[in-house]
């Protein structure tokens, strides 16, 4: 099995993504804009910012949201669950919904959401 690492554009000690065999693992994403600045606002705004960064990281590795098979979500406040779901659902076609876990946790940078995904990329 081969392992391929994709460097993070941020000056932090982690990979943006790691491909191990047919699987691609993305580091958790918090709401940041394309310049690495934290995006503030309601949970929908933050969720859309996170999903944009996830799409960028997937594309760097030759993948898309259609390839995502597993998602882990951390919300700073579970009271935001409904609003998060509204924004999240706009990013996945119903026929490509991955499995998902959602938990409440205190998050870095005082943001409202962090999302981590795994994708399956056979024969690529």
Protein backbone atom coordinates (compact mmCIF):
# COMPACT_ATOMS: atom_id res chain seq x y z
CA UNK A 1 0.00 0.00 0.00
CA UNK A 2 1.31 3.42 -0.91
CA UNK A 3 0.92 6.55 1.20
CA UNK A 4 0.75 10.01 -0.37
CA UNK A 5 0.68 13.18 1.71
CA UNK A 6 -0.73 16.52 0.60
CA UNK A 7 0.83 19.49 2.39
CA UNK A 8 -1.33 21.99 4.21
CA UNK A 9 -1.25 25.56 2.88
CA UNK A 10 -1.31 26.70 6.52
CA UNK A 11 1.87 27.00 8.60
CA UNK A 12 0.74 24.21 10.96
CA UNK A 13 2.22 20.75 11.62
CA UNK A 14 -0.25 18.52 9.77
CA UNK A 15 -1.04 17.32 6.27
CA UNK A 16 -4.03 18.70 4.41
CA UNK A 17 -4.84 15.15 3.36
CA UNK A 18 -3.25 11.71 3.31
CA UNK A 19 -4.03 9.04 0.77
CA UNK A 20 -3.42 5.51 2.03
CA UNK A 21 -4.21 2.93 -0.61
CA UNK A 22 -7.74 3.57 -1.87
CA UNK A 23 -8.68 5.85 1.03
CA UNK A 24 -8.21 9.59 1.40
CA UNK A 25 -8.25 11.14 4.88
CA UNK A 26 -8.68 14.89 5.27
CA UNK A 27 -7.63 16.79 8.35
CA UNK A 28 -10.46 18.45 10.22
CA UNK A 29 -11.52 21.72 8.66
CA UNK A 30 -12.71 24.78 10.56
CA UNK A 31 -14.39 27.78 8.93
CA UNK A 32 -11.65 29.69 7.13
CA UNK A 33 -11.63 31.66 3.93
CA UNK A 34 -9.24 30.98 1.04
CA UNK A 35 -6.63 33.20 2.75
CA UNK A 36 -6.69 31.25 6.02
CA UNK A 37 -8.71 33.83 7.94
CA UNK A 38 -11.36 32.53 10.35
CA UNK A 39 -14.90 33.01 9.06
CA UNK A 40 -17.33 34.22 11.74
CA UNK A 41 -21.08 34.31 11.51
CA UNK A 42 -23.98 31.96 12.05
CA UNK A 43 -23.62 28.19 11.79
CA UNK A 44 -24.78 28.14 8.16
CA UNK A 45 -22.12 30.66 7.13
CA UNK A 46 -19.45 28.72 8.99
CA UNK A 47 -20.62 25.37 7.56
CA UNK A 48 -20.50 26.67 3.98
CA UNK A 49 -16.96 27.99 4.60
CA UNK A 50 -15.85 24.60 5.95
CA UNK A 51 -17.41 22.74 3.02
CA UNK A 52 -15.64 25.07 0.55
CA UNK A 53 -12.27 24.22 2.15
CA UNK A 54 -13.15 20.51 2.09
CA UNK A 55 -13.99 20.70 -1.61
CA UNK A 56 -10.65 22.42 -2.27
CA UNK A 57 -8.72 19.76 -0.34
CA UNK A 58 -10.56 16.94 -2.10
CA UNK A 59 -9.82 18.51 -5.50
CA UNK A 60 -6.09 18.75 -4.71
CA UNK A 61 -6.16 14.97 -4.24
CA UNK A 62 -8.26 14.32 -7.36
CA UNK A 63 -11.51 13.69 -5.47
CA UNK A 64 -14.90 15.32 -4.91
CA UNK A 65 -17.78 15.16 -2.46
CA UNK A 66 -19.16 12.20 -4.45
CA UNK A 67 -16.18 10.18 -3.17
CA UNK A 68 -16.78 10.97 0.52
CA UNK A 69 -17.89 7.92 2.51
CA UNK A 70 -17.51 9.09 6.12
CA UNK A 71 -17.93 12.43 7.88
CA UNK A 72 -17.29 13.42 11.50
CA UNK A 73 -18.74 16.72 12.67
CA UNK A 74 -18.01 18.62 15.85
CA UNK A 75 -20.40 21.41 16.80
CA UNK A 76 -19.58 23.87 19.57
CA UNK A 77 -23.30 23.93 20.45
CA UNK A 78 -25.77 21.17 19.58
CA UNK A 79 -28.48 23.85 19.52
CA UNK A 80 -26.99 24.64 16.07
CA UNK A 81 -27.72 21.11 14.78
CA UNK A 82 -30.77 22.03 12.65
CA UNK A 83 -29.06 25.05 11.08
CA UNK A 84 -25.94 23.03 10.44
CA UNK A 85 -27.97 20.30 8.73
CA UNK A 86 -29.67 22.83 6.45
CA UNK A 87 -26.33 24.12 5.18
CA UNK A 88 -24.62 20.70 5.10
CA UNK A 89 -27.41 19.12 3.04
CA UNK A 90 -26.89 21.62 0.20
CA UNK A 91 -23.43 20.18 -0.47
CA UNK A 92 -24.31 16.51 -1.00
CA UNK A 93 -26.64 14.96 -3.56
CA UNK A 94 -29.07 12.58 -1.85
CA UNK A 95 -27.58 9.62 -3.71
CA UNK A 96 -24.09 10.50 -2.40
CA UNK A 97 -24.77 11.03 1.30
CA UNK A 98 -21.90 9.66 3.42
CA UNK A 99 -22.24 8.13 6.87
CA UNK A 100 -21.88 10.72 9.62
CA UNK A 101 -21.37 11.24 13.32
CA UNK A 102 -22.01 14.57 15.04
CA UNK A 103 -20.87 15.47 18.55
CA UNK A 104 -20.64 18.58 20.68
CA UNK A 105 -17.17 19.80 21.65
CA UNK A 106 -15.20 22.91 22.52
CA UNK A 107 -13.42 23.86 19.28
CA UNK A 108 -10.15 25.61 18.48
CA UNK A 109 -10.30 29.27 17.46
CA UNK A 110 -13.74 29.62 19.11
CA UNK A 111 -15.54 28.48 15.95
CA UNK A 112 -18.91 26.76 15.74
CA UNK A 113 -18.08 23.76 13.55
CA UNK A 114 -15.26 21.46 12.49
CA UNK A 115 -15.66 18.72 9.88
CA UNK A 116 -13.39 15.81 8.97
CA UNK A 117 -14.01 13.54 5.97
CA UNK A 118 -12.75 10.29 4.52
CA UNK A 119 -13.14 9.42 0.85
CA UNK A 120 -12.81 6.20 -1.14
CA UNK A 121 -10.82 6.42 -4.38
CA UNK A 122 -10.41 2.97 -5.91
CA UNK A 123 -8.39 2.61 -9.11
CA UNK A 124 -7.12 6.19 -9.21
